[in-house]
C-alpha atoms as a PDB file:
ATOM      1  CA  MET A   1      14.094  -5.089  -3.915  1.00  0.00           C
ATOM      2  CA  GLN A   2      12.957  -5.343  -0.524  1.00  0.00           C
ATOM      3  CA  ILE A   3       9.691  -3.814   1.369  1.00  0.00           C
ATOM      4  CA  GLY A   4      12.224  -1.724   3.726  1.00  0.00           C
ATOM      5  CA  ASP A   5      13.381  -0.298   0.083  1.00  0.00           C
ATOM      6  CA  LEU A   6       9.683   0.657  -0.301  1.00  0.00           C
ATOM      7  CA  LEU A   7       8.315   1.607   2.507  1.00  0.00           C
ATOM      8  CA  ASP A   8       9.586   4.052   5.144  1.00  0.00           C
ATOM      9  CA  ARG A   9       8.149   4.703   8.671  1.00  0.00           C
ATOM     10  CA  ASN A  10       7.029   7.892   8.202  1.00  0.00           C
ATOM     11  CA  ALA A  11       5.263   6.552   5.594  1.00  0.00           C
ATOM     12  CA  ILE A  12       2.417   4.601   7.192  1.00  0.00           C
ATOM     13  CA  ALA A  13      -0.651   5.617   8.995  1.00  0.00           C
ATOM     14  CA  LEU A  14      -2.435   3.328  11.486  1.00  0.00           C
ATOM     15  CA  ARG A  15      -5.756   5.218  12.827  1.00  0.00           C
ATOM     16  CA  ALA A  16      -7.041   6.924   9.390  1.00  0.00           C
ATOM     17  CA  SER A  17     -10.246   7.773   8.864  1.00  0.00           C
ATOM     18  CA  ALA A  18     -12.006   7.896   5.922  1.00  0.00           C
ATOM     19  CA  SER A  19     -15.681   7.604   4.642  1.00  0.00           C
ATOM     20  CA  SER A  20     -15.588   6.512   0.933  1.00  0.00           C
ATOM     21  CA  LYS A  21     -13.018   4.574  -1.451  1.00  0.00           C
ATOM     22  CA  ARG A  22     -12.117   8.151  -2.651  1.00  0.00           C
ATOM     23  CA  LYS A  23     -11.269   9.870   0.460  1.00  0.00           C
ATOM     24  CA  ALA A  24      -9.236   6.891   1.468  1.00  0.00           C
ATOM     25  CA  LEU A  25      -7.265   7.236  -1.693  1.00  0.00           C
ATOM     26  CA  ALA A  26      -6.715  11.027  -0.430  1.00  0.00           C
ATOM     27  CA  VAL A  27      -5.296   9.532   2.744  1.00  0.00           C
ATOM     28  CA  ALA A  28      -2.608   7.744   0.581  1.00  0.00           C
ATOM     29  CA  ALA A  29      -1.664  10.237  -1.528  1.00  0.00           C
ATOM     30  CA  GLU A  30      -2.057  12.867   1.139  1.00  0.00           C
ATOM     31  CA  ILE A  31       1.183  10.743   2.877  1.00  0.00           C
ATOM     32  CA  ALA A  32       2.950   9.980  -0.436  1.00  0.00           C
ATOM     33  CA  ALA A  33       2.811  13.724  -1.067  1.00  0.00           C
ATOM     34  CA  ARG A  34       3.952  14.685   2.046  1.00  0.00           C
ATOM     35  CA  ASN A  35       6.609  11.779   1.940  1.00  0.00           C
ATOM     36  CA  LEU A  36       7.657  12.323  -1.667  1.00  0.00           C
ATOM     37  CA  GLY A  37       7.706  16.004  -2.338  1.00  0.00           C
ATOM     38  CA  LEU A  38       4.475  15.972  -4.550  1.00  0.00           C
ATOM     39  CA  ASP A  39       1.738  17.776  -5.082  1.00  0.00           C
ATOM     40  CA  SER A  40      -1.496  15.633  -3.325  1.00  0.00           C
ATOM     41  CA  ALA A  41      -4.416  16.677  -5.551  1.00  0.00           C
ATOM     42  CA  GLN A  42      -1.812  15.005  -8.703  1.00  0.00           C
ATOM     43  CA  VAL A  43      -0.998  12.119  -6.612  1.00  0.00           C
ATOM     44  CA  LEU A  44      -4.675  11.346  -5.948  1.00  0.00           C
ATOM     45  CA  GLU A  45      -5.880  11.784  -9.498  1.00  0.00           C
ATOM     46  CA  ALA A  46      -2.966   9.592 -11.086  1.00  0.00           C
ATOM     47  CA  LEU A  47      -4.805   7.294  -8.525  1.00  0.00           C
ATOM     48  CA  ILE A  48      -8.048   7.826  -9.074  1.00  0.00           C
ATOM     49  CA  GLU A  49      -7.470   7.369 -12.919  1.00  0.00           C
ATOM     50  CA  ARG A  50      -5.813   3.832 -12.212  1.00  0.00           C
ATOM     51  CA  GLU A  51      -8.867   2.924  -9.772  1.00  0.00           C
ATOM     52  CA  GLN A  52     -11.267   3.696 -12.797  1.00  0.00           C
ATOM     53  CA  ALA A  53      -9.288   1.154 -15.096  1.00  0.00           C
ATOM     54  CA  GLY A  54     -10.186  -1.394 -12.590  1.00  0.00           C
ATOM     55  CA  SER A  55     -10.268  -1.887  -8.851  1.00  0.00           C
ATOM     56  CA  THR A  56      -7.238  -2.642  -6.740  1.00  0.00           C
ATOM     57  CA  GLY A  57      -9.031  -3.906  -3.934  1.00  0.00           C
ATOM     58  CA  VAL A  58      -7.538  -7.433  -4.066  1.00  0.00           C
ATOM     59  CA  GLY A  59      -9.405  -9.247  -1.374  1.00  0.00           C
ATOM     60  CA  HIS A  60      -9.777  -9.670   2.276  1.00  0.00           C
ATOM     61  CA  GLY A  61      -9.857  -6.144   3.555  1.00  0.00           C
ATOM     62  CA  VAL A  62      -6.597  -5.145   1.680  1.00  0.00           C
ATOM     63  CA  ALA A  63      -6.350  -2.510  -1.109  1.00  0.00           C
ATOM     64  CA  ALA A  64      -3.294  -1.838  -3.333  1.00  0.00           C
ATOM     65  CA  PRO A  65      -3.382   1.001  -5.533  1.00  0.00           C
ATOM     66  CA  HIS A  66      -0.627   2.681  -7.190  1.00  0.00           C
ATOM     67  CA  ALA A  67       0.581   4.968  -9.684  1.00  0.00           C
ATOM     68  CA  ARG A  68       3.089   6.347 -11.859  1.00  0.00           C
ATOM     69  CA  LEU A  69       4.265   9.923 -10.864  1.00  0.00           C
ATOM     70  CA  GLU A  70       6.500  12.797 -12.507  1.00  0.00           C
ATOM     71  CA  GLY A  71       8.875  12.814  -9.730  1.00  0.00           C
ATOM     72  CA  VAL A  72       9.455   9.945  -8.402  1.00  0.00           C
ATOM     73  CA  GLU A  73      12.726   8.829  -8.784  1.00  0.00           C
ATOM     74  CA  ARG A  74      12.203   5.020  -7.220  1.00  0.00           C
ATOM     75  CA  MET A  75       9.236   2.759  -6.247  1.00  0.00           C
ATOM     76  CA  ARG A  76       7.829   4.056  -3.243  1.00  0.00           C
ATOM     77  CA  GLY A  77       5.121   2.898  -0.691  1.00  0.00           C
ATOM     78  CA  VAL A  78       2.972   3.888   1.639  1.00  0.00           C
ATOM     79  CA  PHE A  79       0.875   1.890   4.399  1.00  0.00           C
ATOM     80  CA  VAL A  80      -2.563   3.022   5.545  1.00  0.00           C
ATOM     81  CA  ARG A  81      -4.984   1.228   8.067  1.00  0.00           C
ATOM     82  CA  LEU A  82      -8.224   2.594   8.228  1.00  0.00           C
ATOM     83  CA  GLU A  83     -10.361   2.958  11.314  1.00  0.00           C
ATOM     84  CA  GLN A  84     -13.144   1.753   9.493  1.00  0.00           C
ATOM     85  CA  PRO A  85     -13.335  -0.221   6.441  1.00  0.00           C
ATOM     86  CA  VAL A  86     -14.861   1.753   3.499  1.00  0.00           C
ATOM     87  CA  GLU A  87     -16.239  -0.099   0.416  1.00  0.00           C
ATOM     88  CA  PHE A  88     -13.780  -0.677  -2.455  1.00  0.00           C
ATOM     89  CA  ASP A  89     -14.863  -2.350  -5.260  1.00  0.00           C
ATOM     90  CA  SER A  90     -12.772  -5.191  -3.965  1.00  0.00           C
ATOM     91  CA  VAL A  91     -12.913  -8.549  -5.653  1.00  0.00           C
ATOM     92  CA  ASP A  92     -14.652 -10.622  -3.084  1.00  0.00           C
ATOM     93  CA  ASP A  93     -17.063  -7.326  -2.451  1.00  0.00           C
ATOM     94  CA  LYS A  94     -15.468  -7.417   0.716  1.00  0.00           C
ATOM     95  CA  PRO A  95     -14.386  -3.253   2.283  1.00  0.00           C
ATOM     96  CA  VAL A  96     -11.597  -2.550   3.017  1.00  0.00           C
ATOM     97  CA  ASP A  97      -9.064  -1.537   5.879  1.00  0.00           C
ATOM     98  CA  LEU A  98      -5.603  -2.036   4.637  1.00  0.00           C
ATOM     99  CA  ILE A  99      -3.836  -0.029   1.711  1.00  0.00           C
ATOM    100  CA  PHE A 100      -0.962  -0.709   1.040  1.00  0.00           C
ATOM    101  CA  ALA A 101      -0.098   2.168  -1.999  1.00  0.00           C
ATOM    102  CA  LEU A 102       2.819   1.790  -4.413  1.00  0.00           C
ATOM    103  CA  PHE A 103       4.157   5.229  -6.397  1.00  0.00           C
ATOM    104  CA  ALA A 104       6.266   4.440  -9.363  1.00  0.00           C
ATOM    105  CA  PRO A 105       8.510   6.940 -11.709  1.00  0.00           C
ATOM    106  CA  LYS A 106       6.544   7.991 -14.899  1.00  0.00           C
ATOM    107  CA  ASP A 107       8.524   5.650 -16.808  1.00  0.00           C
ATOM    108  CA  ALA A 108       9.067   2.626 -14.695  1.00  0.00           C
ATOM    109  CA  GLY A 109       8.768  -0.995 -16.559  1.00  0.00           C
ATOM    110  CA  SER A 110       8.762  -4.346 -14.589  1.00  0.00           C
ATOM    111  CA  GLU A 111       9.871  -3.267 -11.134  1.00  0.00           C
ATOM    112  CA  HIS A 112       6.809  -1.453 -10.655  1.00  0.00           C
ATOM    113  CA  LEU A 113       4.691  -5.033 -11.555  1.00  0.00           C
ATOM    114  CA  ARG A 114       7.723  -6.987  -9.625  1.00  0.00           C
ATOM    115  CA  ALA A 115       6.891  -4.635  -6.814  1.00  0.00           C
ATOM    116  CA  LEU A 116       3.183  -5.051  -6.919  1.00  0.00           C
ATOM    117  CA  ALA A 117       3.162  -8.449  -7.210  1.00  0.00           C
ATOM    118  CA  LYS A 118       5.673  -8.939  -3.681  1.00  0.00           C
ATOM    119  CA  VAL A 119       2.787  -6.052  -1.851  1.00  0.00           C
ATOM    120  CA  SER A 120       0.158  -9.019  -3.205  1.00  0.00           C
ATOM    121  CA  ARG A 121       1.639 -12.059  -2.170  1.00  0.00           C
ATOM    122  CA  LEU A 122       2.620 -10.212   1.265  1.00  0.00           C
ATOM    123  CA  LEU A 123      -0.777  -9.291   1.770  1.00  0.00           C
ATOM    124  CA  ARG A 124      -2.891 -12.592   0.946  1.00  0.00           C
ATOM    125  CA  GLN A 125      -1.067 -13.910   4.248  1.00  0.00           C
ATOM    126  CA  PRO A 126      -3.749 -14.082   6.645  1.00  0.00           C
ATOM    127  CA  GLU A 127      -1.790 -14.400   9.662  1.00  0.00           C
ATOM    128  CA  LEU A 128       0.179 -11.403   8.749  1.00  0.00           C
ATOM    129  CA  ARG A 129      -3.487  -9.088   7.585  1.00  0.00           C
ATOM    130  CA  GLU A 130      -4.379 -10.016  11.727  1.00  0.00           C
ATOM    131  CA  GLN A 131      -1.041  -8.622  12.811  1.00  0.00           C
ATOM    132  CA  LEU A 132      -1.277  -5.730  10.511  1.00  0.00           C
ATOM    133  CA  ARG A 133      -4.539  -5.011  11.990  1.00  0.00           C
ATOM    134  CA  GLN A 134      -3.465  -5.340  15.597  1.00  0.00           C
ATOM    135  CA  ALA A 135      -0.169  -3.534  15.513  1.00  0.00           C
ATOM    136  CA  ARG A 136       0.095  -0.339  17.623  1.00  0.00           C
ATOM    137  CA  THR A 137       2.780   1.225  16.017  1.00  0.00           C
ATOM    138  CA  ALA A 138       4.118   2.131  12.658  1.00  0.00           C
ATOM    139  CA  ASP A 139       7.113   0.476  13.789  1.00  0.00           C
ATOM    140  CA  ALA A 140       5.704  -2.812  14.325  1.00  0.00           C
ATOM    141  CA  VAL A 141       4.281  -2.303  11.102  1.00  0.00           C
ATOM    142  CA  HIS A 142       7.223  -1.579   9.669  1.00  0.00           C
ATOM    143  CA  ALA A 143       8.880  -4.451  11.018  1.00  0.00           C
ATOM    144  CA  LEU A 144       6.394  -6.989  10.287  1.00  0.00           C
ATOM    145  CA  LEU A 145       6.249  -6.548   6.639  1.00  0.00           C
ATOM    146  CA  VAL A 146       9.848  -6.431   5.903  1.00  0.00           C
ATOM    147  CA  GLN A 147      10.348  -9.538   8.484  1.00  0.00           C
ATOM    148  CA  GLU A 148       7.477 -11.266   6.165  1.00  0.00           C
ATOM    149  CA  ALA A 149       8.785  -9.997   2.932  1.00  0.00           C
ATOM    150  CA  ALA A 150      12.766 -11.330   3.998  1.00  0.00           C
ATOM    151  CA  PRO A 151      14.044 -14.448   2.083  1.00  0.00           C
ATOM    152  CA  ARG A 152      13.908 -17.390   4.207  1.00  0.00           C
ATOM    153  CA  ALA A 153      16.932 -19.323   4.693  1.00  0.00           C
ATOM    154  CA  THR A 154      15.993 -23.221   4.062  1.00  0.00           C
ATOM    155  CA  ALA A 155      16.414 -25.102   6.963  1.00  0.00           C
ATOM    156  CA  ALA A 156      19.467 -27.583   7.410  1.00  0.00           C
ATOM    157  CA  ALA A 157      18.179 -31.278   8.135  1.00  0.00           C
END
């Protein structure tokens, strides 16, 4: 599973405005609903329900909210960059401005966890986070995420 398989360019929002964690999740839910043909209220409800089990704020201004939903046929993602960071109850107590939300089929097994691990590893890279914060277009963000997530060939000596 590659990031390019999870994230469509039209599921990227770069200048989103939210004044709270709930509103940031609502932005992600709206984009997901539009791209996946789902009801945004149900998507938001699923994200909030998961958030109540523990914050998905993973640190360094990044959150990886996720939910399993009826009507989702395969793992899908949404990337949101907020204009102003919001409190997210993150592990490092820092506000969040980069959100990579994942949506899995209701009966998804380990694929869901593998995708979450991949996104978390990817967004732990300080240089990539900075590039994502500076990117001007959805295409640029998509290219950064796909390029960084691509398997690296070992250099021949």
